[in-house]
Amino acid sequence: MIDLSRVNLELRAGIEMMGGGVNAVWEQGGRVQLSGVNERMVNVLDIIKSDGFVNVSTTIDKALGQIR
């Protein structure tokens, strides 16, 4: 799980950081659970159909609930 609650994903560097980490895990056959994602980024991830390679939650508690 990657907690993004303190990361500004609206900045290019934040998006690149997230993409690099997700890609590294995905290439090894894993799945990534993102937590603390702001609503604006949740909408962007929905548009690009990210659910094939990453699970997205707005809070850590919701993310942990999806893992269990």
Protein backbone atom coordinates (compact mmCIF):
# COMPACT_ATOMS: atom_id res chain seq x y z
CA MET A 1 0.00 0.00 0.00
CA ILE A 2 1.21 3.48 -0.84
CA ASP A 3 -0.13 6.33 1.33
CA LEU A 4 -0.40 9.42 -0.85
CA SER A 5 -2.17 11.64 1.68
CA ARG A 6 0.81 14.02 1.86
CA VAL A 7 1.74 13.93 -1.81
CA ASN A 8 0.51 16.62 -4.18
CA LEU A 9 -0.40 14.52 -7.21
CA GLU A 10 -1.41 17.60 -9.12
CA LEU A 11 2.27 18.33 -9.60
CA ARG A 12 4.03 16.50 -12.39
CA ALA A 13 6.72 15.14 -10.06
CA GLY A 14 4.06 13.61 -7.81
CA ILE A 15 2.40 11.86 -10.73
CA GLU A 16 5.74 10.59 -12.04
CA MET A 17 6.68 9.27 -8.59
CA MET A 18 3.41 7.41 -8.29
CA GLY A 19 3.70 5.99 -11.80
CA GLY A 20 7.23 4.74 -11.25
CA GLY A 21 6.34 2.96 -8.03
CA VAL A 22 3.19 1.40 -9.45
CA ASN A 23 5.02 0.23 -12.56
CA ALA A 24 7.81 -1.42 -10.54
CA VAL A 25 5.34 -3.43 -8.44
CA TRP A 26 3.14 -4.29 -11.43
CA GLU A 27 6.12 -5.61 -13.44
CA GLN A 28 6.80 -8.08 -10.61
CA GLY A 29 3.24 -9.38 -10.74
CA GLY A 30 1.97 -7.43 -7.74
CA ARG A 31 -0.95 -5.09 -7.29
CA VAL A 32 -0.80 -1.67 -5.73
CA GLN A 33 -3.23 -0.20 -3.23
CA LEU A 34 -3.15 3.60 -3.16
CA SER A 35 -4.58 5.38 -0.13
CA GLY A 36 -5.06 9.01 0.74
CA VAL A 37 -5.76 9.94 -2.87
CA ASN A 38 -7.65 13.22 -3.20
CA GLU A 39 -11.01 13.23 -4.96
CA ARG A 40 -9.68 15.06 -8.01
CA MET A 41 -7.02 12.40 -8.59
CA VAL A 42 -9.57 9.62 -7.97
CA ASN A 43 -11.58 11.07 -10.85
CA VAL A 44 -8.50 11.20 -13.10
CA LEU A 45 -7.63 7.58 -12.26
CA ASP A 46 -11.22 6.55 -13.04
CA ILE A 47 -11.02 8.27 -16.43
CA ILE A 48 -7.80 6.45 -17.37
CA LYS A 49 -9.26 3.13 -16.18
CA SER A 50 -6.51 2.51 -13.64
CA ASP A 51 -8.47 -0.26 -11.92
CA GLY A 52 -6.67 -2.84 -14.06
CA PHE A 53 -3.40 -2.24 -12.26
CA VAL A 54 -4.08 -0.28 -9.08
CA ASN A 55 -6.74 -0.07 -6.36
CA VAL A 56 -7.53 3.44 -5.16
CA SER A 57 -8.92 4.54 -1.79
CA THR A 58 -9.42 7.98 -0.32
CA THR A 59 -8.40 6.86 3.20
CA ILE A 60 -5.98 4.39 4.77
CA ASP A 61 -8.87 2.61 6.54
CA LYS A 62 -10.67 2.01 3.24
CA ALA A 63 -7.43 0.77 1.66
CA LEU A 64 -6.81 -1.68 4.50
CA GLY A 65 -10.39 -2.91 4.15
CA GLN A 66 -9.74 -3.80 0.51
CA ILE A 67 -6.57 -5.72 1.40
CA ARG A 68 -8.16 -7.87 4.09
